[in-house]
Amino acid sequence: MENKMALPSQEQKQLQALASNWTCPEFKVSGAFGSHMVLQRERPIRIWGFSDAPGSTVTGEFMGERVSATVTEQGTWTLRFVPHSAVWEGKLMSIYDDRGHSAVLQDVLVGDVWLIGGQSNAEHNLSSCLDWAPEQWYDKDEPLRLFAQTRQYAFEHQDKCGEPQPDVINPDWCWKLPLEDAAREFSAIGWFFGKELLRYIDAPVGLIMMAAGGACIRELMPAELATELGYTTTVAVPLGGFYNSLIHPFVPLQFKGQIFFQGESEGCFPDRAPLYDKELAALVADERARFGQDFPFYNVQLSDYRDECAAYFPALDTVRVKQLDALATIPNYTLTPAMDLGAPDDHPDFAHSPRKYELAMRIAKLALAREYRIGGEYEARAPKPTTAQKSADGKQITVCFTDIGDGLCVLGQSPRDSIGAEVKGFRVGPKGADVPARAVIETRGCITVDVPEGADASVVSYAYSIRASIEYADLRNGNNLPAFAFCLRTE
């Protein structure tokens, strides 16, 4: 889908699209802002809010700058401050109107803001993952700030899901210091990612949770887009319900990028799973247009979910493959493999692996290379197939890869020792008619797959099955990253 940036009037349209069941407050700064917040550096700063006095004047002061705005007929106002580079020492922001109302936001930082989107594995909190991570430390003076929203509150307040909400739906949700209580309830991926960024970048970090457990993609996009894609029904909330309640209140906030972990719910629907790459492309393009920025989108290829997966997510393997296919259609999009980071066999929750630290480190390494030029992107990328060429006699298929690091290898061996090694996880034939195939690492970047007798050699796949853990698919690269699950047509 073409990514069209928002027109200049998009910001005003978004702010004026007030929900019909919402009463405009006498005077209020949007809940997206508050004390301890982080504003995106090197971008124009827009602070918005609401007033029941159209035509009145709202004034803001921040870092020596004073700006004013007139309240619109719809009861919205937007203050625009100039961009700033990173600000480590908390500043005051004062906002007041000409009727005597005022708000003072304290400890305001300027740095990089990242969104955490998707469903339950993105929302999965730190407290559930601490036993699988290095010891954490919590310091109120660390330049990390957290804004947590939860699926549960939105689900329990369905009146907030039926149409786009102009403001943050829970008045208790706000920016918080990185103390233990706030951290333990925050997204584990987000927390680990933010902490890793702070080790390297020269700016504070703000993190905003927009994920919702169990969310289908049609609940994370606006209802009109879901309808355009052919959806008429949904699961937990109305079409677009989680977009309306958890995402829309932040439009058009400026931010650095988004981390996304979603797709398990689409794995429940074999008829929709093959469309996942197109639906994801539509979601990303729509968000970029609404926020008015071509932000980088860091997606996660779904984990292995043990044998229990088949009963709950029968089409999960298709979603994994479509997440990789989206690399060809979504600009400024990355994918991080997580198949080898599924829940351990003795973990009570098969669907929510506690191994979020390792996953966050992979995403952070990629983001540091791409967004901050810290480390090499070549060392942060997983092996990806480029071509699948049949031999003249049709008895073999040679699959070549990019992003191989020092070379392809099997788990537990070096690239040098892996030449000639057999690789688990390859199959030949279209889905449903595919059969296991012997595969051998032939060169540093290519694998030879033997075509089984009678198999349809028009398609070759890897880890294209419900089970995709290292027991079933063990190909890696010299960066010790697992190969993506894929399905390719042969040439």
Protein backbone atom coordinates (compact mmCIF):
# COMPACT_ATOMS: atom_id res chain seq x y z
CA MET A 1 0.00 0.00 0.00
CA GLU A 2 1.32 3.44 -0.88
CA ASN A 3 2.45 5.39 2.16
CA LYS A 4 0.92 8.86 1.85
CA MET A 5 2.03 11.39 4.42
CA ALA A 6 -0.66 13.41 6.16
CA LEU A 7 -1.79 16.68 4.68
CA PRO A 8 -1.17 19.81 6.79
CA SER A 9 -4.83 19.75 7.87
CA GLN A 10 -4.60 16.18 9.16
CA GLU A 11 -3.52 17.28 12.65
CA GLN A 12 -6.47 19.61 12.97
CA LYS A 13 -8.88 16.99 11.65
CA GLN A 14 -7.65 14.44 14.16
CA LEU A 15 -7.98 16.79 17.09
CA GLN A 16 -11.40 17.92 16.02
CA ALA A 17 -12.80 14.40 15.61
CA LEU A 18 -14.24 14.39 19.10
CA ALA A 19 -16.15 11.33 20.25
CA SER A 20 -19.90 11.88 20.44
CA ASN A 21 -20.06 10.54 24.01
CA TRP A 22 -17.26 12.81 25.22
CA THR A 23 -17.81 16.06 27.10
CA CYS A 24 -15.24 18.76 26.47
CA PRO A 25 -13.59 19.76 29.77
CA GLU A 26 -13.45 23.34 30.98
CA PHE A 27 -9.67 23.36 30.46
CA LYS A 28 -7.33 20.41 30.10
CA VAL A 29 -3.97 19.48 28.64
CA SER A 30 -4.20 16.20 26.73
CA GLY A 31 -3.38 13.17 28.88
CA ALA A 32 -0.67 12.30 26.35
CA PHE A 33 1.44 14.94 28.10
CA GLY A 34 2.38 15.51 31.71
CA SER A 35 5.12 15.84 34.26
CA HIS A 36 8.10 13.49 33.68
CA MET A 37 7.31 13.19 29.97
CA VAL A 38 9.83 12.90 27.16
CA LEU A 39 9.27 14.97 24.01
CA GLN A 40 10.75 13.89 20.70
CA ARG A 41 13.95 15.76 19.98
CA GLU A 42 14.69 17.63 16.76
CA ARG A 43 11.01 17.75 15.79
CA PRO A 44 8.50 20.58 16.19
CA ILE A 45 6.87 20.16 19.61
CA ARG A 46 3.07 20.13 19.55
CA ILE A 47 1.13 20.19 22.81
CA TRP A 48 -2.64 20.00 22.55
CA GLY A 49 -5.62 20.05 24.82
CA PHE A 50 -9.24 21.04 25.28
CA SER A 51 -11.35 23.97 26.41
CA ASP A 52 -15.07 24.72 26.57
CA ALA A 53 -14.45 28.35 25.52
CA PRO A 54 -14.02 28.60 21.73
CA GLY A 55 -12.21 31.78 20.77
CA SER A 56 -10.30 32.05 24.04
CA THR A 57 -6.50 32.11 24.06
CA VAL A 58 -4.18 29.44 25.46
CA THR A 59 -0.52 30.29 26.08
CA GLY A 60 2.43 28.01 26.73
CA GLU A 61 5.95 28.68 27.99
CA PHE A 62 8.83 26.23 27.59
CA MET A 63 12.59 26.77 27.65
CA GLY A 64 12.34 30.52 27.17
CA GLU A 65 9.76 30.36 24.37
CA ARG A 66 6.20 31.65 24.67
CA VAL A 67 3.55 30.61 22.14
CA SER A 68 -0.22 31.02 21.95
CA ALA A 69 -3.17 29.40 20.25
CA THR A 70 -6.87 30.10 19.84
CA VAL A 71 -9.41 27.52 20.99
CA THR A 72 -11.31 26.15 17.97
CA GLU A 73 -15.07 25.86 17.64
CA GLN A 74 -14.68 22.17 18.48
CA GLY A 75 -12.97 22.99 21.77
CA THR A 76 -9.39 22.01 20.86
CA TRP A 77 -6.16 23.96 20.96
CA THR A 78 -2.60 23.22 19.86
CA LEU A 79 0.59 24.93 20.99
CA ARG A 80 3.63 24.70 18.74
CA PHE A 81 7.15 25.06 20.12
CA VAL A 82 10.39 24.99 18.17
CA PRO A 83 12.42 21.76 18.01
CA HIS A 84 15.12 21.10 20.61
CA SER A 85 18.09 18.79 20.81
CA ALA A 86 18.34 16.41 23.76
CA VAL A 87 17.51 17.90 27.16
CA TRP A 88 18.68 15.83 30.13
CA GLU A 89 17.76 18.17 32.97
CA GLY A 90 14.03 18.33 33.63
CA LYS A 91 12.37 21.59 32.56
CA LEU A 92 9.10 23.28 33.42
CA MET A 93 6.32 23.78 30.90
CA SER A 94 3.57 26.23 31.87
CA ILE A 95 0.24 26.33 30.05
CA TYR A 96 -2.57 28.77 30.86
CA ASP A 97 -5.54 30.47 29.27
CA ASP A 98 -7.01 33.95 29.47
CA ARG A 99 -9.72 32.80 31.92
CA GLY A 100 -7.38 31.93 34.77
CA HIS A 101 -6.89 28.21 34.15
CA SER A 102 -3.36 26.84 34.24
CA ALA A 103 -1.26 23.69 34.27
CA VAL A 104 2.41 23.25 35.14
CA LEU A 105 4.24 20.21 33.79
CA GLN A 106 7.44 19.43 35.65
CA ASP A 107 10.56 17.43 34.86
CA VAL A 108 10.04 17.60 31.08
CA LEU A 109 12.84 15.96 29.08
CA VAL A 110 13.61 16.00 25.36
CA GLY A 111 14.97 12.84 23.77
CA ASP A 112 13.68 9.88 21.76
CA VAL A 113 10.18 8.46 22.16
CA TRP A 114 9.39 4.88 21.14
CA LEU A 115 5.96 3.24 20.86
CA ILE A 116 5.32 -0.38 21.90
CA GLY A 117 2.48 -1.82 19.82
CA GLY A 118 0.86 -5.17 19.13
CA GLN A 119 -0.82 -7.72 21.37
CA SER A 120 -0.05 -9.63 24.56
CA ASN A 121 3.59 -10.47 23.93
CA ALA A 122 4.27 -6.77 23.45
CA GLU A 123 2.21 -5.93 26.55
CA HIS A 124 3.73 -8.81 28.59
CA ASN A 125 5.10 -7.12 31.69
CA LEU A 126 8.55 -7.04 33.21
CA SER A 127 7.58 -8.79 36.43
CA SER A 128 6.89 -11.98 34.46
CA CYS A 129 10.32 -11.97 32.84
CA LEU A 130 12.75 -10.99 35.60
CA ASP A 131 13.88 -14.57 36.30
CA TRP A 132 15.08 -14.78 32.68
CA ALA A 133 17.05 -11.55 32.56
CA PRO A 134 20.07 -9.95 34.22
CA GLU A 135 19.39 -8.24 37.52
CA GLN A 136 17.58 -4.95 36.94
CA TRP A 137 18.13 -1.66 38.71
CA TYR A 138 15.67 1.18 39.15
CA ASP A 139 16.73 4.79 39.53
CA LYS A 140 14.36 7.75 39.51
CA ASP A 141 17.18 9.89 38.12
CA GLU A 142 17.77 7.67 35.12
CA PRO A 143 16.56 9.49 31.95
CA LEU A 144 13.99 6.81 31.12
CA ARG A 145 10.26 7.55 31.29
CA LEU A 146 7.28 5.19 31.01
CA PHE A 147 3.70 5.63 29.86
CA ALA A 148 1.70 2.43 30.36
CA GLN A 149 -1.74 1.65 28.95
CA THR A 150 -3.46 -1.72 29.36
CA ARG A 151 -5.75 -3.84 27.28
CA GLN A 152 -7.79 -4.77 30.34
CA TYR A 153 -8.97 -1.26 31.08
CA ALA A 154 -9.97 -0.67 27.47
CA PHE A 155 -11.78 -4.01 27.33
CA GLU A 156 -13.68 -3.22 30.53
CA HIS A 157 -14.70 0.21 29.17
CA GLN A 158 -16.23 -0.72 25.85
CA ASP A 159 -17.82 2.71 25.64
CA LYS A 160 -14.31 4.00 24.94
CA CYS A 161 -13.81 1.59 22.05
CA GLY A 162 -16.72 2.38 19.75
CA GLU A 163 -15.26 5.55 18.23
CA PRO A 164 -11.93 7.42 18.28
CA GLN A 165 -11.28 8.94 21.68
CA PRO A 166 -9.87 12.47 21.75
CA ASP A 167 -8.01 11.96 25.03
CA VAL A 168 -6.28 9.24 27.03
CA ILE A 169 -9.13 7.08 28.31
CA ASN A 170 -7.88 6.38 31.84
CA PRO A 171 -7.17 9.52 33.91
CA ASP A 172 -4.72 7.48 36.03
CA TRP A 173 -2.50 6.74 33.04
CA CYS A 174 0.41 9.15 32.92
CA TRP A 175 4.16 9.48 32.44
CA LYS A 176 6.10 7.83 35.26
CA LEU A 177 9.64 7.66 36.57
CA PRO A 178 11.48 4.35 36.04
CA LEU A 179 10.96 3.11 39.60
CA GLU A 180 10.38 -0.55 40.39
CA ASP A 181 6.58 -0.50 40.70
CA ALA A 182 6.13 1.27 37.36
CA ALA A 183 8.81 -0.83 35.67
CA ARG A 184 7.41 -4.19 36.77
CA GLU A 185 4.02 -3.38 35.24
CA PHE A 186 5.52 -2.08 32.01
CA SER A 187 6.15 -3.95 28.76
CA ALA A 188 9.19 -6.19 29.28
CA ILE A 189 10.34 -5.73 25.68
CA GLY A 190 9.95 -1.98 26.01
CA TRP A 191 11.79 -1.80 29.33
CA PHE A 192 14.77 -3.88 28.21
CA PHE A 193 14.91 -2.03 24.88
CA GLY A 194 14.87 1.39 26.53
CA LYS A 195 17.53 0.43 29.07
CA GLU A 196 19.79 -0.85 26.28
CA LEU A 197 19.39 2.33 24.24
CA LEU A 198 20.44 4.41 27.23
CA ARG A 199 23.74 2.54 27.38
CA TYR A 200 24.70 3.97 23.99
CA ILE A 201 22.71 7.01 22.86
CA ASP A 202 23.13 10.59 23.95
CA ALA A 203 19.49 11.34 24.79
CA PRO A 204 16.73 10.48 27.29
CA VAL A 205 14.27 7.76 26.24
CA GLY A 206 10.48 7.76 26.57
CA LEU A 207 8.37 4.63 26.05
CA ILE A 208 4.61 4.50 25.39
CA MET A 209 2.62 1.25 25.53
CA MET A 210 -0.13 0.96 22.90
CA ALA A 211 -0.38 -2.84 22.88
CA ALA A 212 -3.49 -4.85 23.77
CA GLY A 213 -3.46 -8.52 24.70
CA GLY A 214 -5.33 -10.70 22.22
CA ALA A 215 -5.72 -7.84 19.76
CA CYS A 216 -6.52 -8.79 16.19
CA ILE A 217 -5.03 -6.48 13.59
CA ARG A 218 -8.53 -5.25 12.74
CA GLU A 219 -8.87 -3.99 16.32
CA LEU A 220 -5.61 -2.05 16.11
CA MET A 221 -6.50 -0.14 12.96
CA PRO A 222 -9.28 2.43 12.45
CA ALA A 223 -12.69 0.91 11.84
CA GLU A 224 -12.97 2.42 8.38
CA LEU A 225 -9.73 0.72 7.32
CA ALA A 226 -10.82 -2.61 8.81
CA THR A 227 -14.09 -2.32 6.87
CA GLU A 228 -12.20 -1.49 3.69
CA LEU A 229 -10.21 -4.70 4.15
CA GLY A 230 -13.43 -6.70 4.32
CA TYR A 231 -13.97 -7.10 8.05
CA THR A 232 -17.50 -6.88 9.45
CA THR A 233 -17.01 -8.59 12.81
CA THR A 234 -14.32 -8.73 15.46
CA VAL A 235 -13.43 -10.57 18.67
CA ALA A 236 -12.89 -8.57 21.89
CA VAL A 237 -13.90 -5.01 21.03
CA PRO A 238 -15.67 -3.31 18.11
CA LEU A 239 -13.81 -2.91 14.83
CA GLY A 240 -10.99 -0.47 15.50
CA GLY A 241 -11.67 -0.64 19.23
CA PHE A 242 -8.08 -0.72 20.45
CA TYR A 243 -7.08 1.89 17.90
CA ASN A 244 -9.87 4.13 19.18
CA SER A 245 -8.99 3.70 22.84
CA LEU A 246 -5.20 3.25 22.98
CA ILE A 247 -3.71 4.79 19.83
CA HIS A 248 -5.93 7.63 18.60
CA PRO A 249 -5.50 9.76 21.76
CA PHE A 250 -1.81 10.16 20.85
CA VAL A 251 -2.31 11.30 17.26
CA PRO A 252 -0.32 13.30 16.03
CA LEU A 253 2.45 12.86 18.61
CA GLN A 254 6.00 12.88 17.25
CA PHE A 255 8.19 9.87 18.09
CA LYS A 256 11.31 8.03 16.95
CA GLY A 257 9.93 4.60 16.02
CA GLN A 258 7.65 1.71 16.92
CA ILE A 259 8.34 -1.82 18.17
CA PHE A 260 5.58 -4.25 17.22
CA PHE A 261 4.80 -7.84 18.29
CA GLN A 262 1.48 -9.09 16.95
CA GLY A 263 -0.04 -11.81 14.79
CA GLU A 264 -0.90 -14.68 17.10
CA SER A 265 -4.57 -13.73 16.85
CA GLU A 266 -4.40 -13.86 13.05
CA GLY A 267 -2.99 -17.36 13.49
CA CYS A 268 -6.46 -18.36 14.71
CA PHE A 269 -7.98 -17.67 11.29
CA PRO A 270 -6.66 -19.83 8.41
CA ASP A 271 -8.73 -17.83 5.92
CA ARG A 272 -7.20 -14.49 6.96
CA ALA A 273 -3.61 -15.50 7.75
CA PRO A 274 -2.54 -15.49 4.05
CA LEU A 275 -3.57 -11.81 3.88
CA TYR A 276 -1.49 -10.75 6.86
CA ASP A 277 1.30 -9.01 4.93
CA LYS A 278 -1.22 -6.86 3.07
CA GLU A 279 -3.17 -6.02 6.22
CA LEU A 280 0.01 -5.15 8.10
CA ALA A 281 1.11 -2.90 5.24
CA ALA A 282 -2.26 -1.15 5.40
CA LEU A 283 -1.97 -0.65 9.17
CA VAL A 284 1.54 0.79 8.93
CA ALA A 285 0.68 3.13 6.05
CA ASP A 286 -2.41 4.37 7.88
CA GLU A 287 -0.51 5.04 11.12
CA ARG A 288 2.24 6.88 9.26
CA ALA A 289 -0.34 9.08 7.56
CA ARG A 290 -2.19 9.85 10.78
CA PHE A 291 0.96 10.62 12.77
CA GLY A 292 2.40 12.50 9.81
CA GLN A 293 5.80 10.79 9.84
CA ASP A 294 7.53 7.91 8.11
CA PHE A 295 8.63 6.28 11.36
CA PRO A 296 10.65 3.03 11.37
CA PHE A 297 8.60 -0.06 12.19
CA TYR A 298 10.41 -2.85 14.07
CA ASN A 299 8.38 -6.02 13.79
CA VAL A 300 8.97 -9.43 15.42
CA GLN A 301 8.56 -12.73 13.59
CA LEU A 302 6.41 -14.84 15.88
CA SER A 303 7.92 -17.24 18.39
CA ASP A 304 7.57 -20.99 18.53
CA TYR A 305 4.65 -21.84 20.83
CA ARG A 306 5.29 -25.51 21.61
CA ASP A 307 2.87 -28.30 20.72
CA GLU A 308 -0.05 -26.45 22.31
CA CYS A 309 0.06 -23.96 19.46
CA ALA A 310 -1.79 -26.18 16.99
CA ALA A 311 -4.99 -26.12 19.03
CA TYR A 312 -5.01 -22.34 19.40
CA PHE A 313 -3.15 -20.86 16.41
CA PRO A 314 -3.49 -23.35 13.53
CA ALA A 315 -2.31 -20.82 10.93
CA LEU A 316 0.56 -19.30 12.90
CA ASP A 317 3.12 -20.70 10.44
CA THR A 318 1.48 -18.76 7.62
CA VAL A 319 1.53 -15.54 9.63
CA ARG A 320 5.28 -15.97 10.24
CA VAL A 321 5.95 -16.32 6.52
CA LYS A 322 3.77 -13.31 5.69
CA GLN A 323 5.63 -11.20 8.24
CA LEU A 324 8.78 -11.89 6.22
CA ASP A 325 7.00 -11.25 2.91
CA ALA A 326 6.10 -7.80 4.22
CA LEU A 327 9.78 -6.82 3.92
CA ALA A 328 9.15 -6.48 0.18
CA THR A 329 6.13 -4.18 0.53
CA ILE A 330 6.54 -2.03 3.65
CA PRO A 331 9.25 0.65 3.49
CA ASN A 332 11.38 1.35 6.55
CA TYR A 333 10.32 -1.99 8.04
CA THR A 334 12.48 -4.54 9.83
CA LEU A 335 11.86 -8.01 11.18
CA THR A 336 13.53 -9.70 14.13
CA PRO A 337 13.34 -13.50 14.50
CA ALA A 338 12.07 -14.93 17.78
CA MET A 339 11.29 -18.56 16.93
CA ASP A 340 14.08 -19.80 19.16
CA LEU A 341 12.88 -17.64 22.07
CA GLY A 342 9.57 -19.34 22.74
CA ALA A 343 8.47 -20.43 26.20
CA PRO A 344 10.60 -23.25 27.70
CA ASP A 345 8.91 -26.63 27.98
CA ASP A 346 8.48 -26.33 31.74
CA HIS A 347 7.08 -22.78 31.60
CA PRO A 348 3.37 -22.68 32.59
CA ASP A 349 2.40 -20.19 29.86
CA PHE A 350 3.12 -21.56 26.39
CA ALA A 351 1.92 -18.42 24.60
CA HIS A 352 3.97 -15.84 26.52
CA SER A 353 7.64 -16.60 26.69
CA PRO A 354 9.56 -14.97 29.56
CA ARG A 355 12.61 -14.64 27.30
CA LYS A 356 11.90 -11.02 26.40
CA TYR A 357 15.36 -9.79 27.39
CA GLU A 358 17.07 -11.71 24.59
CA LEU A 359 14.46 -10.53 22.09
CA ALA A 360 14.77 -6.90 23.18
CA MET A 361 18.55 -7.09 22.82
CA ARG A 362 18.14 -8.24 19.21
CA ILE A 363 15.75 -5.40 18.42
CA ALA A 364 17.92 -2.84 20.21
CA LYS A 365 21.05 -3.93 18.36
CA LEU A 366 19.24 -3.48 15.05
CA ALA A 367 17.77 -0.12 16.06
CA LEU A 368 21.11 1.16 17.34
CA ALA A 369 22.69 0.32 14.00
CA ARG A 370 19.90 1.70 11.80
CA GLU A 371 18.75 4.76 13.72
CA TYR A 372 21.88 5.79 15.61
CA ARG A 373 24.78 4.41 13.52
CA ILE A 374 26.08 2.56 16.58
CA GLY A 375 27.41 -0.85 15.57
CA GLY A 376 26.98 -2.41 12.16
CA GLU A 377 23.59 -3.25 10.74
CA TYR A 378 25.18 -6.18 8.92
CA GLU A 379 25.97 -7.74 12.30
CA ALA A 380 22.43 -7.16 13.58
CA ARG A 381 20.44 -8.80 10.79
CA ALA A 382 19.21 -12.37 10.56
CA PRO A 383 19.79 -14.58 7.49
CA LYS A 384 17.18 -14.01 4.80
CA PRO A 385 16.66 -16.06 1.62
CA THR A 386 17.15 -14.28 -1.69
CA THR A 387 16.83 -16.93 -4.42
CA ALA A 388 15.77 -20.56 -4.81
CA GLN A 389 17.18 -22.09 -8.00
CA LYS A 390 16.32 -25.57 -9.28
CA SER A 391 19.06 -27.66 -10.84
CA ALA A 392 18.80 -28.62 -14.51
CA ASP A 393 17.66 -32.12 -13.63
CA GLY A 394 15.16 -30.84 -11.02
CA LYS A 395 16.65 -32.99 -8.29
CA GLN A 396 18.05 -30.19 -6.16
CA ILE A 397 17.20 -26.65 -5.13
CA THR A 398 19.90 -24.18 -4.16
CA VAL A 399 18.70 -21.53 -1.70
CA CYS A 400 21.00 -18.54 -1.27
CA PHE A 401 20.90 -16.08 1.62
CA THR A 402 21.89 -12.54 2.46
CA ASP A 403 22.87 -11.20 5.89
CA ILE A 404 24.94 -14.27 6.69
CA GLY A 405 27.59 -12.66 8.90
CA ASP A 406 30.65 -14.92 8.76
CA GLY A 407 28.53 -17.55 7.06
CA LEU A 408 25.59 -19.87 7.54
CA CYS A 409 25.83 -22.46 10.28
CA VAL A 410 23.80 -24.89 12.31
CA LEU A 411 23.21 -24.35 15.99
CA GLY A 412 26.26 -25.18 18.04
CA GLN A 413 28.76 -25.05 15.17
CA SER A 414 30.86 -22.29 13.63
CA PRO A 415 30.31 -21.28 9.99
CA ARG A 416 33.62 -22.89 9.05
CA ASP A 417 32.67 -26.20 10.65
CA SER A 418 29.17 -26.11 9.18
CA ILE A 419 30.13 -26.52 5.53
CA GLY A 420 28.58 -29.85 4.56
CA ALA A 421 26.39 -29.98 7.67
CA GLU A 422 22.75 -31.02 7.40
CA VAL A 423 20.11 -28.48 8.34
CA LYS A 424 16.75 -29.26 9.92
CA GLY A 425 13.52 -27.58 8.89
CA PHE A 426 13.47 -27.60 5.06
CA ARG A 427 10.48 -28.85 3.09
CA VAL A 428 9.63 -29.04 -0.61
CA GLY A 429 6.19 -28.50 -2.11
CA PRO A 430 3.22 -26.16 -1.63
CA LYS A 431 1.67 -25.89 1.81
CA GLY A 432 -0.45 -28.94 2.49
CA ALA A 433 1.48 -31.02 -0.05
CA ASP A 434 4.97 -30.28 1.27
CA VAL A 435 7.31 -32.99 2.47
CA PRO A 436 10.49 -32.95 4.58
CA ALA A 437 13.70 -32.60 2.58
CA ARG A 438 17.39 -33.14 3.27
CA ALA A 439 19.31 -29.86 3.19
CA VAL A 440 23.05 -29.24 3.42
CA ILE A 441 25.09 -26.06 3.83
CA GLU A 442 27.01 -26.06 0.56
CA THR A 443 28.85 -22.72 0.77
CA ARG A 444 29.03 -19.80 3.19
CA GLY A 445 25.78 -18.37 1.85
CA CYS A 446 23.94 -21.17 0.07
CA ILE A 447 22.12 -24.38 0.99
CA THR A 448 21.38 -27.31 -1.29
CA VAL A 449 18.02 -29.00 -0.77
CA ASP A 450 17.38 -32.48 -2.20
CA VAL A 451 14.00 -32.79 -3.89
CA PRO A 452 12.21 -35.91 -2.54
CA GLU A 453 10.86 -38.35 -5.10
CA GLY A 454 7.49 -37.16 -6.38
CA ALA A 455 7.59 -33.79 -4.59
CA ASP A 456 6.44 -30.61 -6.29
CA ALA A 457 9.72 -28.69 -6.61
CA SER A 458 8.04 -25.37 -7.41
CA VAL A 459 8.15 -24.36 -3.75
CA VAL A 460 10.76 -24.66 -1.02
CA SER A 461 10.25 -23.61 2.58
CA TYR A 462 12.02 -23.44 5.90
CA ALA A 463 10.49 -23.57 9.40
CA TYR A 464 7.09 -23.40 7.69
CA SER A 465 5.32 -25.43 10.33
CA ILE A 466 3.56 -24.94 13.65
CA ARG A 467 6.69 -26.09 15.47
CA ALA A 468 9.67 -23.93 14.57
CA SER A 469 11.97 -24.15 17.58
CA ILE A 470 15.64 -25.08 17.31
CA GLU A 471 14.69 -28.75 17.63
CA TYR A 472 12.89 -28.49 14.30
CA ALA A 473 14.78 -25.71 12.48
CA ASP A 474 18.41 -25.02 13.38
CA LEU A 475 19.82 -22.72 10.68
CA ARG A 476 21.66 -19.62 11.90
CA ASN A 477 24.27 -17.15 10.71
CA GLY A 478 27.64 -16.06 12.03
CA ASN A 479 25.89 -13.42 14.13
CA ASN A 480 24.19 -16.27 16.02
CA LEU A 481 20.77 -15.18 14.75
CA PRO A 482 18.26 -17.77 13.53
CA ALA A 483 17.13 -17.76 9.92
CA PHE A 484 13.67 -16.43 9.20
CA ALA A 485 10.83 -18.82 8.46
CA PHE A 486 10.07 -18.52 4.76
CA CYS A 487 8.34 -20.01 1.73
CA LEU A 488 9.79 -19.33 -1.73
CA ARG A 489 8.81 -20.23 -5.27
CA THR A 490 11.71 -21.77 -7.11
CA GLU A 491 13.19 -20.51 -10.36
